[in-house]
Amino acid sequence: MSKSQSQNWICPVTAANMAVAQRLVAGKWKFVILWRLSDGTKRFNELQKMLPISQGILTQQLRELERDGIVHREVYREIPPKVEYSLTDIGQGFVPILDDVLKWVKSYNERKTKADRV
């Protein structure tokens, strides 16, 4: 079966796996958060300064990533409270995918720019 034929019929197993993948990284800021954490552990305020989003949205996205086992949240019992976020082993496994996506986007932008000039 050719690829175009297989696209007309979606395997339930593949579709289910794609749905899981989409759920895990769905969210306007999750890719960016994961990219920032790929550089190493960050405190909440560091992340907030890096991203033009509200505290509530950042908190929600981090909680979802933590719930899904992609991000680790470390709370230090001190005054004032200190909270750090880092990628889990599962999250580290996503970094090469982020790299590939960024390479693809760069290639896309270059091709699109060339096509728009013509």
C-alpha atoms as a PDB file:
ATOM      1  CA  MET A   1       0.000   0.000   0.000  1.00  0.00           C
ATOM      2  CA  SER A   2       1.436   3.373  -0.994  1.00  0.00           C
ATOM      3  CA  LYS A   3       1.716   6.226   1.461  1.00  0.00           C
ATOM      4  CA  SER A   4      -1.074   8.170  -0.253  1.00  0.00           C
ATOM      5  CA  GLN A   5      -3.354   5.130  -0.029  1.00  0.00           C
ATOM      6  CA  SER A   6      -2.517   4.605   3.637  1.00  0.00           C
ATOM      7  CA  GLN A   7      -3.382   8.228   4.409  1.00  0.00           C
ATOM      8  CA  ASN A   8      -6.939   7.566   3.277  1.00  0.00           C
ATOM      9  CA  TRP A   9      -7.265   4.841   5.889  1.00  0.00           C
ATOM     10  CA  ILE A  10      -5.796   5.687   9.269  1.00  0.00           C
ATOM     11  CA  CYS A  11      -4.758   2.773  11.411  1.00  0.00           C
ATOM     12  CA  PRO A  12      -6.527   2.984  14.806  1.00  0.00           C
ATOM     13  CA  VAL A  13      -3.251   2.200  16.588  1.00  0.00           C
ATOM     14  CA  THR A  14      -1.376   4.939  14.741  1.00  0.00           C
ATOM     15  CA  ALA A  15      -4.227   7.390  15.227  1.00  0.00           C
ATOM     16  CA  ALA A  16      -4.297   6.655  18.963  1.00  0.00           C
ATOM     17  CA  ASN A  17      -0.532   7.156  19.228  1.00  0.00           C
ATOM     18  CA  MET A  18      -0.764  10.426  17.317  1.00  0.00           C
ATOM     19  CA  ALA A  19      -3.548  11.576  19.640  1.00  0.00           C
ATOM     20  CA  VAL A  20      -1.344  10.868  22.669  1.00  0.00           C
ATOM     21  CA  ALA A  21       1.576  12.752  21.097  1.00  0.00           C
ATOM     22  CA  GLN A  22      -0.671  15.682  20.283  1.00  0.00           C
ATOM     23  CA  ARG A  23      -2.095  15.797  23.813  1.00  0.00           C
ATOM     24  CA  LEU A  24       1.354  15.714  25.387  1.00  0.00           C
ATOM     25  CA  VAL A  25       2.680  18.732  23.513  1.00  0.00           C
ATOM     26  CA  ALA A  26      -0.569  20.542  22.707  1.00  0.00           C
ATOM     27  CA  GLY A  27      -0.561  23.990  24.150  1.00  0.00           C
ATOM     28  CA  LYS A  28       0.657  27.180  22.628  1.00  0.00           C
ATOM     29  CA  TRP A  29       3.731  27.406  24.868  1.00  0.00           C
ATOM     30  CA  LYS A  30       4.784  23.828  25.581  1.00  0.00           C
ATOM     31  CA  PHE A  31       7.356  23.641  22.773  1.00  0.00           C
ATOM     32  CA  VAL A  32       8.925  26.892  23.936  1.00  0.00           C
ATOM     33  CA  ILE A  33       8.918  25.832  27.591  1.00  0.00           C
ATOM     34  CA  LEU A  34      10.542  22.512  26.707  1.00  0.00           C
ATOM     35  CA  TRP A  35      13.108  24.297  24.541  1.00  0.00           C
ATOM     36  CA  ARG A  36      14.031  26.639  27.410  1.00  0.00           C
ATOM     37  CA  LEU A  37      14.292  23.726  29.850  1.00  0.00           C
ATOM     38  CA  SER A  38      16.495  21.804  27.406  1.00  0.00           C
ATOM     39  CA  ASP A  39      19.259  24.246  28.421  1.00  0.00           C
ATOM     40  CA  GLY A  40      18.955  23.143  32.042  1.00  0.00           C
ATOM     41  CA  THR A  41      17.017  23.656  35.238  1.00  0.00           C
ATOM     42  CA  LYS A  42      15.128  26.926  35.549  1.00  0.00           C
ATOM     43  CA  ARG A  43      13.289  28.634  38.364  1.00  0.00           C
ATOM     44  CA  PHE A  44       9.700  29.665  37.712  1.00  0.00           C
ATOM     45  CA  ASN A  45      10.595  33.367  37.595  1.00  0.00           C
ATOM     46  CA  GLU A  46      13.386  32.686  35.082  1.00  0.00           C
ATOM     47  CA  LEU A  47      10.934  30.957  32.783  1.00  0.00           C
ATOM     48  CA  GLN A  48       8.393  33.712  33.222  1.00  0.00           C
ATOM     49  CA  LYS A  49      10.953  36.354  32.202  1.00  0.00           C
ATOM     50  CA  MET A  50      11.865  34.335  29.099  1.00  0.00           C
ATOM     51  CA  LEU A  51       8.282  33.960  27.894  1.00  0.00           C
ATOM     52  CA  PRO A  52       5.690  36.621  27.060  1.00  0.00           C
ATOM     53  CA  ILE A  53       2.870  34.792  28.834  1.00  0.00           C
ATOM     54  CA  SER A  54       0.909  35.234  32.022  1.00  0.00           C
ATOM     55  CA  GLN A  55       1.832  33.515  35.250  1.00  0.00           C
ATOM     56  CA  GLY A  56      -1.399  31.517  35.092  1.00  0.00           C
ATOM     57  CA  ILE A  57      -0.770  30.148  31.605  1.00  0.00           C
ATOM     58  CA  LEU A  58       2.830  29.257  32.472  1.00  0.00           C
ATOM     59  CA  THR A  59       1.660  27.509  35.640  1.00  0.00           C
ATOM     60  CA  GLN A  60      -0.997  25.566  33.717  1.00  0.00           C
ATOM     61  CA  GLN A  61       1.404  24.454  30.991  1.00  0.00           C
ATOM     62  CA  LEU A  62       4.059  23.420  33.536  1.00  0.00           C
ATOM     63  CA  ARG A  63       1.495  21.462  35.569  1.00  0.00           C
ATOM     64  CA  GLU A  64       0.364  19.583  32.467  1.00  0.00           C
ATOM     65  CA  LEU A  65       3.973  18.791  31.519  1.00  0.00           C
ATOM     66  CA  GLU A  66       4.649  17.657  35.086  1.00  0.00           C
ATOM     67  CA  ARG A  67       1.480  15.522  35.154  1.00  0.00           C
ATOM     68  CA  ASP A  68       2.592  13.826  31.937  1.00  0.00           C
ATOM     69  CA  GLY A  69       6.057  13.056  33.322  1.00  0.00           C
ATOM     70  CA  ILE A  70       7.906  15.368  30.943  1.00  0.00           C
ATOM     71  CA  VAL A  71       8.904  18.043  33.466  1.00  0.00           C
ATOM     72  CA  HIS A  72      10.081  17.624  37.053  1.00  0.00           C
ATOM     73  CA  ARG A  73       9.113  20.196  39.687  1.00  0.00           C
ATOM     74  CA  GLU A  74      11.406  20.524  42.682  1.00  0.00           C
ATOM     75  CA  VAL A  75      10.121  22.520  45.650  1.00  0.00           C
ATOM     76  CA  TYR A  76      12.673  23.710  48.209  1.00  0.00           C
ATOM     77  CA  ARG A  77      11.198  24.329  51.635  1.00  0.00           C
ATOM     78  CA  GLU A  78      12.676  27.716  52.373  1.00  0.00           C
ATOM     79  CA  ILE A  79      11.534  31.287  52.761  1.00  0.00           C
ATOM     80  CA  PRO A  80      10.784  32.574  50.203  1.00  0.00           C
ATOM     81  CA  PRO A  81       9.785  29.307  48.534  1.00  0.00           C
ATOM     82  CA  LYS A  82      12.036  28.189  45.713  1.00  0.00           C
ATOM     83  CA  VAL A  83      10.686  26.069  42.863  1.00  0.00           C
ATOM     84  CA  GLU A  84      12.783  24.705  40.024  1.00  0.00           C
ATOM     85  CA  TYR A  85      11.745  22.951  36.840  1.00  0.00           C
ATOM     86  CA  SER A  86      13.789  20.547  34.769  1.00  0.00           C
ATOM     87  CA  LEU A  87      13.226  17.930  32.106  1.00  0.00           C
ATOM     88  CA  THR A  88      12.760  14.344  33.207  1.00  0.00           C
ATOM     89  CA  ASP A  89      14.423  11.524  31.276  1.00  0.00           C
ATOM     90  CA  ILE A  90      11.246  11.343  29.211  1.00  0.00           C
ATOM     91  CA  GLY A  91      11.453  15.085  28.579  1.00  0.00           C
ATOM     92  CA  GLN A  92      15.130  14.803  27.618  1.00  0.00           C
ATOM     93  CA  GLY A  93      14.074  12.237  25.034  1.00  0.00           C
ATOM     94  CA  PHE A  94      11.945  14.916  23.379  1.00  0.00           C
ATOM     95  CA  VAL A  95      14.871  17.336  22.871  1.00  0.00           C
ATOM     96  CA  PRO A  96      16.075  15.675  19.619  1.00  0.00           C
ATOM     97  CA  ILE A  97      12.516  15.992  18.311  1.00  0.00           C
ATOM     98  CA  LEU A  98      12.542  19.705  19.184  1.00  0.00           C
ATOM     99  CA  ASP A  99      15.852  20.036  17.333  1.00  0.00           C
ATOM    100  CA  ASP A 100      14.368  18.319  14.281  1.00  0.00           C
ATOM    101  CA  VAL A 101      11.257  20.497  14.376  1.00  0.00           C
ATOM    102  CA  LEU A 102      13.391  23.647  14.539  1.00  0.00           C
ATOM    103  CA  LYS A 103      15.512  22.448  11.602  1.00  0.00           C
ATOM    104  CA  TRP A 104      12.367  21.727   9.632  1.00  0.00           C
ATOM    105  CA  VAL A 105      10.910  25.166  10.444  1.00  0.00           C
ATOM    106  CA  LYS A 106      14.145  26.850   9.360  1.00  0.00           C
ATOM    107  CA  SER A 107      14.057  24.937   6.065  1.00  0.00           C
ATOM    108  CA  TYR A 108      10.372  25.739   5.641  1.00  0.00           C
ATOM    109  CA  ASN A 109      10.962  29.458   6.217  1.00  0.00           C
ATOM    110  CA  GLU A 110      13.822  29.511   3.714  1.00  0.00           C
ATOM    111  CA  ARG A 111      11.774  27.693   1.064  1.00  0.00           C
ATOM    112  CA  LYS A 112       8.710  29.821   1.725  1.00  0.00           C
ATOM    113  CA  THR A 113      10.743  33.022   1.432  1.00  0.00           C
ATOM    114  CA  LYS A 114      12.207  31.861  -1.888  1.00  0.00           C
ATOM    115  CA  ALA A 115       8.779  30.846  -3.183  1.00  0.00           C
ATOM    116  CA  ASP A 116       7.266  34.186  -2.139  1.00  0.00           C
ATOM    117  CA  ARG A 117       9.945  36.076  -4.095  1.00  0.00           C
ATOM    118  CA  VAL A 118       9.060  34.265  -7.318  1.00  0.00           C
END
